[in-house]
């Protein structure tokens, strides 16, 4: 077989010739004129192809809903529709909307049928709350401070609504008195017979109770008198 190796001096000469040729070519190429035109704007990224279409619905606010940290993150309408809103908009939502107000909601329904609101408008006052991201540069709450104000709570009652994660899997329940019991989807799947409207459930956990409602992250769940611990002592809560 014939070798394809070259002596080192030939490689050096060959490289020098290529360099000189490239330099000459660069000198003979016309240079583009400088331009002061602004750069083209970045195109807005469209929603995913499989995203649900934006819908508009209307109804009266029957009750506010809170998360275990005490933030208002949604409400139920008088026709039973569950409307979600990011918890960082809690103050704006409660300042703009009152219980009993007729509101118009624009957003998308998730696979569980809940409404993920992008805009909420009080039809009487015209006040609006729009889903906007947190201010740039705002640091997240340190993990050690999350849950610092939680209290040990218990709850029992009849399921009025089963809450779902974005993909439609159950992740908790809302009782007839408005109490929110949060579970993780894997845990909720273990209680399929209780994840239905009308079931009577009981829970213990940690959360908050304020003027807008009660919510807790369950550490034990089940039927009354038959609670199942959900986490080991050494396992942190979600």
Protein backbone atom coordinates (compact mmCIF):
# COMPACT_ATOMS: atom_id res chain seq x y z
CA UNK A 1 0.00 0.00 0.00
CA UNK A 2 1.39 3.40 -0.96
CA UNK A 3 1.91 5.80 1.94
CA UNK A 4 0.10 9.15 2.00
CA UNK A 5 2.53 10.78 4.48
CA UNK A 6 4.54 13.83 3.49
CA UNK A 7 7.86 15.03 4.91
CA UNK A 8 7.43 17.82 7.41
CA UNK A 9 9.17 20.38 5.17
CA UNK A 10 6.66 19.71 2.38
CA UNK A 11 3.78 20.28 4.81
CA UNK A 12 5.32 23.57 5.90
CA UNK A 13 5.76 24.79 2.31
CA UNK A 14 2.24 23.72 1.37
CA UNK A 15 0.78 25.60 4.35
CA UNK A 16 2.72 28.74 3.48
CA UNK A 17 1.43 28.68 -0.11
CA UNK A 18 -2.18 28.35 1.11
CA UNK A 19 -1.75 31.22 3.54
CA UNK A 20 -0.31 33.52 0.88
CA UNK A 21 -3.10 32.62 -1.57
CA UNK A 22 -5.77 33.35 1.05
CA UNK A 23 -4.19 36.73 1.84
CA UNK A 24 -4.16 37.72 -1.82
CA UNK A 25 -7.75 36.68 -2.27
CA UNK A 26 -8.77 38.71 0.75
CA UNK A 27 -7.07 41.82 -0.64
CA UNK A 28 -8.84 41.55 -3.98
CA UNK A 29 -12.32 40.98 -2.49
CA UNK A 30 -14.41 44.18 -2.23
CA UNK A 31 -15.22 45.10 1.37
CA UNK A 32 -18.89 45.58 2.23
CA UNK A 33 -19.92 49.13 2.97
CA UNK A 34 -20.61 49.96 6.60
CA UNK A 35 -24.28 50.24 7.45
CA UNK A 36 -26.08 51.91 10.30
CA UNK A 37 -29.37 50.11 9.76
CA UNK A 38 -30.80 48.66 12.99
CA UNK A 39 -30.81 44.88 13.38
CA UNK A 40 -33.95 43.04 12.41
CA UNK A 41 -36.32 42.54 15.33
CA UNK A 42 -36.40 39.09 16.86
CA UNK A 43 -39.48 37.24 15.70
CA UNK A 44 -41.92 36.33 18.43
CA UNK A 45 -41.81 32.63 19.20
CA UNK A 46 -45.22 31.12 18.40
CA UNK A 47 -46.88 28.80 20.92
CA UNK A 48 -46.28 25.05 20.51
CA UNK A 49 -48.25 23.46 17.71
CA UNK A 50 -50.12 21.28 20.19
CA UNK A 51 -51.03 24.18 22.53
CA UNK A 52 -54.73 24.53 23.28
CA UNK A 53 -56.46 27.46 21.53
CA UNK A 54 -57.13 30.61 23.51
CA UNK A 55 -60.69 30.70 24.82
CA UNK A 56 -62.81 33.37 26.47
CA UNK A 57 -65.29 32.58 29.22
CA UNK A 58 -67.41 34.58 31.65
CA UNK A 59 -68.70 33.89 35.13
CA UNK A 60 -69.05 35.17 38.69
CA UNK A 61 -66.27 34.62 41.22
CA UNK A 62 -67.72 32.19 43.77
CA UNK A 63 -64.63 31.79 45.95
CA UNK A 64 -60.91 32.43 45.85
CA UNK A 65 -58.43 29.56 46.07
CA UNK A 66 -55.04 29.58 47.74
CA UNK A 67 -51.90 27.47 47.63
CA UNK A 68 -50.25 26.05 50.77
CA UNK A 69 -48.06 29.18 51.04
CA UNK A 70 -51.19 31.34 51.34
CA UNK A 71 -51.05 32.98 47.90
CA UNK A 72 -54.27 33.37 45.94
CA UNK A 73 -53.60 31.42 42.74
CA UNK A 74 -57.09 31.06 41.32
CA UNK A 75 -60.82 31.01 41.94
CA UNK A 76 -63.96 29.01 41.31
CA UNK A 77 -66.81 30.51 39.30
CA UNK A 78 -70.50 30.09 40.04
CA UNK A 79 -70.79 27.42 37.33
CA UNK A 80 -67.96 25.33 38.84
CA UNK A 81 -65.17 26.37 36.48
CA UNK A 82 -61.73 26.29 38.08
CA UNK A 83 -59.57 29.23 37.01
CA UNK A 84 -55.82 29.18 37.71
CA UNK A 85 -53.55 32.20 37.90
CA UNK A 86 -49.83 32.43 38.77
CA UNK A 87 -49.30 33.02 42.51
CA UNK A 88 -46.93 35.94 41.88
CA UNK A 89 -50.00 37.86 40.65
CA UNK A 90 -51.90 37.22 43.89
CA UNK A 91 -51.90 40.83 45.13
CA UNK A 92 -52.98 42.24 41.76
CA UNK A 93 -55.77 39.70 41.45
CA UNK A 94 -57.30 40.35 44.87
CA UNK A 95 -56.99 44.13 44.38
CA UNK A 96 -58.82 44.04 41.04
CA UNK A 97 -61.48 41.39 41.63
CA UNK A 98 -63.88 40.74 44.48
CA UNK A 99 -65.98 37.73 45.36
CA UNK A 100 -69.27 37.95 43.46
CA UNK A 101 -67.82 40.02 40.60
CA UNK A 102 -68.67 39.06 37.04
CA UNK A 103 -65.39 38.51 35.20
CA UNK A 104 -64.28 37.67 31.70
CA UNK A 105 -61.37 35.25 31.45
CA UNK A 106 -59.10 34.66 28.46
CA UNK A 107 -56.74 31.69 28.48
CA UNK A 108 -56.33 28.01 27.72
CA UNK A 109 -57.96 24.94 29.17
CA UNK A 110 -55.64 22.19 30.31
CA UNK A 111 -56.31 18.50 29.79
CA UNK A 112 -58.16 18.31 33.09
CA UNK A 113 -60.63 21.02 32.03
CA UNK A 114 -59.27 23.77 34.30
CA UNK A 115 -58.78 27.23 32.87
CA UNK A 116 -55.23 28.65 32.84
CA UNK A 117 -55.99 32.37 32.70
CA UNK A 118 -53.85 34.83 30.77
CA UNK A 119 -56.15 37.82 31.29
CA UNK A 120 -58.92 38.44 33.82
CA UNK A 121 -61.22 41.44 33.40
CA UNK A 122 -63.81 42.69 35.88
CA UNK A 123 -66.71 43.47 33.54
CA UNK A 124 -68.14 46.16 35.83
CA UNK A 125 -65.02 48.15 36.71
CA UNK A 126 -62.92 47.28 33.66
CA UNK A 127 -59.94 46.40 35.84
CA UNK A 128 -57.64 43.81 34.32
CA UNK A 129 -55.07 41.38 35.63
CA UNK A 130 -52.66 40.04 33.01
CA UNK A 131 -50.33 37.09 33.41
CA UNK A 132 -46.89 38.66 33.23
CA UNK A 133 -43.57 37.10 34.24
CA UNK A 134 -41.80 38.28 37.37
CA UNK A 135 -39.66 41.39 37.00
CA UNK A 136 -36.25 40.61 35.43
CA UNK A 137 -33.55 40.29 38.03
CA UNK A 138 -35.98 39.45 40.82
CA UNK A 139 -34.22 36.74 42.87
CA UNK A 140 -36.26 33.68 43.76
CA UNK A 141 -37.18 33.13 47.38
CA UNK A 142 -34.39 31.18 49.13
CA UNK A 143 -35.39 27.56 49.53
CA UNK A 144 -34.82 27.80 53.28
CA UNK A 145 -37.51 30.51 53.56
CA UNK A 146 -40.14 28.60 51.62
CA UNK A 147 -42.65 27.14 53.98
CA UNK A 148 -41.29 29.16 56.92
CA UNK A 149 -44.80 30.40 57.76
CA UNK A 150 -46.61 27.09 57.29
CA UNK A 151 -48.72 25.65 60.09
CA UNK A 152 -49.75 22.10 60.79
CA UNK A 153 -53.32 21.72 59.55
CA UNK A 154 -55.93 19.03 59.11
CA UNK A 155 -58.98 18.95 56.89
CA UNK A 156 -61.95 16.71 56.24
CA UNK A 157 -64.93 16.94 53.94
CA UNK A 158 -66.57 16.11 50.66
CA UNK A 159 -64.69 16.52 47.39
CA UNK A 160 -66.21 19.25 45.23
CA UNK A 161 -63.49 19.34 42.60
CA UNK A 162 -60.45 17.28 41.65
CA UNK A 163 -57.48 19.45 40.68
CA UNK A 164 -55.11 18.37 37.94
CA UNK A 165 -51.55 18.96 36.78
CA UNK A 166 -50.98 20.50 33.32
CA UNK A 167 -51.07 17.08 31.65
CA UNK A 168 -54.40 16.24 33.22
CA UNK A 169 -53.30 13.88 35.99
CA UNK A 170 -54.94 14.44 39.43
CA UNK A 171 -52.82 16.34 41.93
CA UNK A 172 -55.26 17.18 44.73
CA UNK A 173 -58.83 18.04 45.68
CA UNK A 174 -60.94 21.03 46.64
CA UNK A 175 -63.46 20.36 49.39
CA UNK A 176 -67.00 21.73 49.46
CA UNK A 177 -65.90 24.45 51.92
CA UNK A 178 -63.12 25.59 49.56
CA UNK A 179 -60.22 23.94 51.36
CA UNK A 180 -57.46 22.93 48.95
CA UNK A 181 -55.57 19.69 49.60
CA UNK A 182 -52.48 19.31 47.44
CA UNK A 183 -50.90 15.98 46.55
CA UNK A 184 -48.27 15.00 44.01
CA UNK A 185 -49.60 13.16 40.92
CA UNK A 186 -47.86 9.87 41.87
CA UNK A 187 -49.42 10.02 45.35
CA UNK A 188 -52.86 10.96 44.00
CA UNK A 189 -52.79 7.92 41.72
CA UNK A 190 -52.62 5.72 44.82
CA UNK A 191 -56.02 7.02 45.94
CA UNK A 192 -57.99 6.63 42.73
CA UNK A 193 -61.24 5.82 44.57
CA UNK A 194 -61.02 9.10 46.51
CA UNK A 195 -60.02 11.26 43.53
CA UNK A 196 -63.63 11.87 42.49
CA UNK A 197 -66.37 14.37 43.15
CA UNK A 198 -68.52 13.42 46.13
CA UNK A 199 -65.92 11.30 47.91
CA UNK A 200 -65.31 12.03 51.60
CA UNK A 201 -61.63 12.51 52.39
CA UNK A 202 -59.40 13.46 55.28
CA UNK A 203 -55.90 14.92 55.31
CA UNK A 204 -53.15 16.21 57.54
CA UNK A 205 -50.25 18.36 56.44
CA UNK A 206 -48.74 21.82 56.40
CA UNK A 207 -50.21 24.97 54.93
CA UNK A 208 -51.92 28.26 55.66
CA UNK A 209 -55.35 29.59 56.58
CA UNK A 210 -56.18 33.21 55.79
CA UNK A 211 -59.08 35.46 54.73
CA UNK A 212 -59.08 33.93 51.25
CA UNK A 213 -59.13 30.27 52.18
CA UNK A 214 -57.28 27.25 53.52
CA UNK A 215 -54.74 25.11 51.68
CA UNK A 216 -52.34 22.43 52.77
CA UNK A 217 -49.77 20.09 51.30
CA UNK A 218 -50.83 16.69 52.59
CA UNK A 219 -48.42 14.52 54.53
CA UNK A 220 -51.18 11.99 55.31
CA UNK A 221 -54.29 11.31 53.24
CA UNK A 222 -57.19 8.91 53.06
CA UNK A 223 -60.75 8.45 54.23
CA UNK A 224 -61.83 9.63 57.70
CA UNK A 225 -60.28 7.40 60.34
CA UNK A 226 -58.04 5.71 57.78
CA UNK A 227 -55.16 8.07 57.03
CA UNK A 228 -52.08 6.85 55.17
CA UNK A 229 -48.74 8.58 55.89
CA UNK A 230 -47.28 9.78 52.59
CA UNK A 231 -43.66 10.53 53.47
CA UNK A 232 -40.96 9.15 55.70
CA UNK A 233 -39.57 11.49 58.34
CA UNK A 234 -36.36 11.83 56.36
CA UNK A 235 -38.16 12.53 53.07
CA UNK A 236 -38.72 16.25 52.40
CA UNK A 237 -42.17 17.40 51.34
CA UNK A 238 -42.62 18.61 47.74
